Amino acid sequence: MVFTELTDADRKRNQYLDQINHAPYSAIFFTMLIMLLLVTVSISIGAF
């Protein structure tokens, strides 16, 4: 593979991707929290 210098278009594209390309950590956390609560409630209901 041959590496070449970055062009201005490449730099702009990289800046754009750096701005928007982030994992939604809060959504992942709340989804896992809700799943944990649902499992806990279902086990508690099943036990009684």
N, C-alpha and C. Protein backbone atom coordinates (compact mmCIF):
# COMPACT_ATOMS: atom_id res chain seq x y z
N MET A 1 0.85 -1.17 0.00
CA MET A 1 0.00 0.00 0.00
C MET A 1 0.90 1.24 0.00
N VAL A 2 0.53 2.19 -0.81
CA VAL A 2 1.32 3.41 -0.93
C VAL A 2 0.59 4.54 -0.19
N PHE A 3 1.29 5.18 0.72
CA PHE A 3 0.71 6.28 1.47
C PHE A 3 1.13 7.60 0.83
N THR A 4 0.17 8.47 0.66
CA THR A 4 0.44 9.77 0.07
C THR A 4 0.09 10.86 1.07
N GLU A 5 0.46 12.08 0.77
CA GLU A 5 0.13 13.22 1.62
C GLU A 5 -1.38 13.45 1.61
N LEU A 6 -1.89 13.96 2.74
CA LEU A 6 -3.31 14.27 2.81
C LEU A 6 -3.61 15.54 2.02
N THR A 7 -4.71 15.50 1.31
CA THR A 7 -5.14 16.70 0.60
C THR A 7 -6.04 17.51 1.52
N ASP A 8 -6.39 18.71 1.09
CA ASP A 8 -7.30 19.54 1.89
C ASP A 8 -8.66 18.87 2.04
N ALA A 9 -9.12 18.21 0.99
CA ALA A 9 -10.41 17.51 1.07
C ALA A 9 -10.34 16.38 2.10
N ASP A 10 -9.21 15.67 2.14
CA ASP A 10 -9.04 14.62 3.13
C ASP A 10 -9.04 15.17 4.54
N ARG A 11 -8.38 16.30 4.75
CA ARG A 11 -8.34 16.92 6.08
C ARG A 11 -9.74 17.37 6.51
N LYS A 12 -10.49 17.96 5.58
CA LYS A 12 -11.85 18.40 5.91
C LYS A 12 -12.73 17.20 6.25
N ARG A 13 -12.58 16.12 5.50
CA ARG A 13 -13.36 14.91 5.76
C ARG A 13 -13.00 14.33 7.12
N ASN A 14 -11.72 14.32 7.46
CA ASN A 14 -11.30 13.81 8.76
C ASN A 14 -11.82 14.67 9.91
N GLN A 15 -11.81 15.99 9.75
CA GLN A 15 -12.36 16.87 10.78
C GLN A 15 -13.84 16.63 10.96
N TYR A 16 -14.57 16.46 9.86
CA TYR A 16 -16.00 16.20 9.93
C TYR A 16 -16.27 14.88 10.65
N LEU A 17 -15.53 13.84 10.31
CA LEU A 17 -15.73 12.55 10.97
C LEU A 17 -15.35 12.59 12.44
N ASP A 18 -14.34 13.35 12.79
CA ASP A 18 -13.97 13.50 14.20
C ASP A 18 -15.07 14.19 15.00
N GLN A 19 -15.80 15.09 14.37
CA GLN A 19 -16.86 15.82 15.06
C GLN A 19 -18.09 14.95 15.27
N ILE A 20 -18.48 14.15 14.30
CA ILE A 20 -19.76 13.44 14.39
C ILE A 20 -19.64 11.99 14.81
N ASN A 21 -18.47 11.40 14.72
CA ASN A 21 -18.35 9.96 14.87
C ASN A 21 -17.99 9.59 16.30
N HIS A 22 -18.99 9.64 17.19
CA HIS A 22 -18.77 9.29 18.58
C HIS A 22 -19.81 8.27 19.01
N ALA A 23 -19.39 7.35 19.83
CA ALA A 23 -20.30 6.33 20.31
C ALA A 23 -21.30 6.94 21.30
N PRO A 24 -22.55 6.54 21.25
CA PRO A 24 -23.57 7.08 22.16
C PRO A 24 -23.51 6.39 23.53
N TYR A 25 -22.51 6.75 24.31
CA TYR A 25 -22.29 6.07 25.59
C TYR A 25 -23.48 6.21 26.53
N SER A 26 -24.13 7.35 26.55
CA SER A 26 -25.26 7.52 27.47
C SER A 26 -26.43 6.62 27.06
N ALA A 27 -26.69 6.50 25.77
CA ALA A 27 -27.77 5.63 25.31
C ALA A 27 -27.45 4.16 25.62
N ILE A 28 -26.21 3.76 25.45
CA ILE A 28 -25.80 2.39 25.76
C ILE A 28 -25.97 2.13 27.25
N PHE A 29 -25.54 3.08 28.07
CA PHE A 29 -25.65 2.92 29.53
C PHE A 29 -27.11 2.79 29.96
N PHE A 30 -27.98 3.68 29.48
CA PHE A 30 -29.38 3.64 29.90
C PHE A 30 -30.10 2.41 29.36
N THR A 31 -29.74 1.95 28.18
CA THR A 31 -30.34 0.73 27.65
C THR A 31 -29.97 -0.47 28.51
N MET A 32 -28.71 -0.55 28.90
CA MET A 32 -28.28 -1.65 29.76
C MET A 32 -28.92 -1.56 31.15
N LEU A 33 -29.08 -0.34 31.65
CA LEU A 33 -29.72 -0.16 32.95
C LEU A 33 -31.18 -0.61 32.90
N ILE A 34 -31.90 -0.24 31.86
CA ILE A 34 -33.29 -0.64 31.71
C ILE A 34 -33.41 -2.16 31.57
N MET A 35 -32.49 -2.76 30.80
CA MET A 35 -32.51 -4.22 30.65
C MET A 35 -32.27 -4.91 32.00
N LEU A 36 -31.33 -4.38 32.77
CA LEU A 36 -31.06 -4.95 34.10
C LEU A 36 -32.28 -4.83 35.01
N LEU A 37 -32.94 -3.68 34.96
CA LEU A 37 -34.14 -3.50 35.79
C LEU A 37 -35.26 -4.44 35.36
N LEU A 38 -35.44 -4.61 34.04
CA LEU A 38 -36.48 -5.53 33.55
C LEU A 38 -36.21 -6.96 33.97
N VAL A 39 -34.96 -7.38 33.90
CA VAL A 39 -34.61 -8.75 34.33
C VAL A 39 -34.85 -8.90 35.83
N THR A 40 -34.47 -7.90 36.61
CA THR A 40 -34.66 -7.95 38.05
C THR A 40 -36.14 -8.02 38.41
N VAL A 41 -36.94 -7.20 37.76
CA VAL A 41 -38.38 -7.20 38.03
C VAL A 41 -39.01 -8.51 37.61
N SER A 42 -38.63 -9.03 36.45
CA SER A 42 -39.21 -10.30 36.00
C SER A 42 -38.83 -11.45 36.91
N ILE A 43 -37.61 -11.46 37.41
CA ILE A 43 -37.20 -12.52 38.35
C ILE A 43 -37.96 -12.38 39.66
N SER A 44 -38.13 -11.15 40.12
CA SER A 44 -38.87 -10.93 41.37
C SER A 44 -40.33 -11.33 41.22
N ILE A 45 -40.95 -11.02 40.10
CA ILE A 45 -42.34 -11.42 39.88
C ILE A 45 -42.45 -12.93 39.77
N GLY A 46 -41.49 -13.55 39.10
CA GLY A 46 -41.51 -15.01 38.96
C GLY A 46 -41.28 -15.74 40.26
N ALA A 47 -40.60 -15.11 41.20
CA ALA A 47 -40.30 -15.77 42.48
C ALA A 47 -41.52 -15.82 43.39
N PHE A 48 -42.47 -14.92 43.17
CA PHE A 48 -43.64 -14.88 44.08
C PHE A 48 -44.87 -15.34 43.44
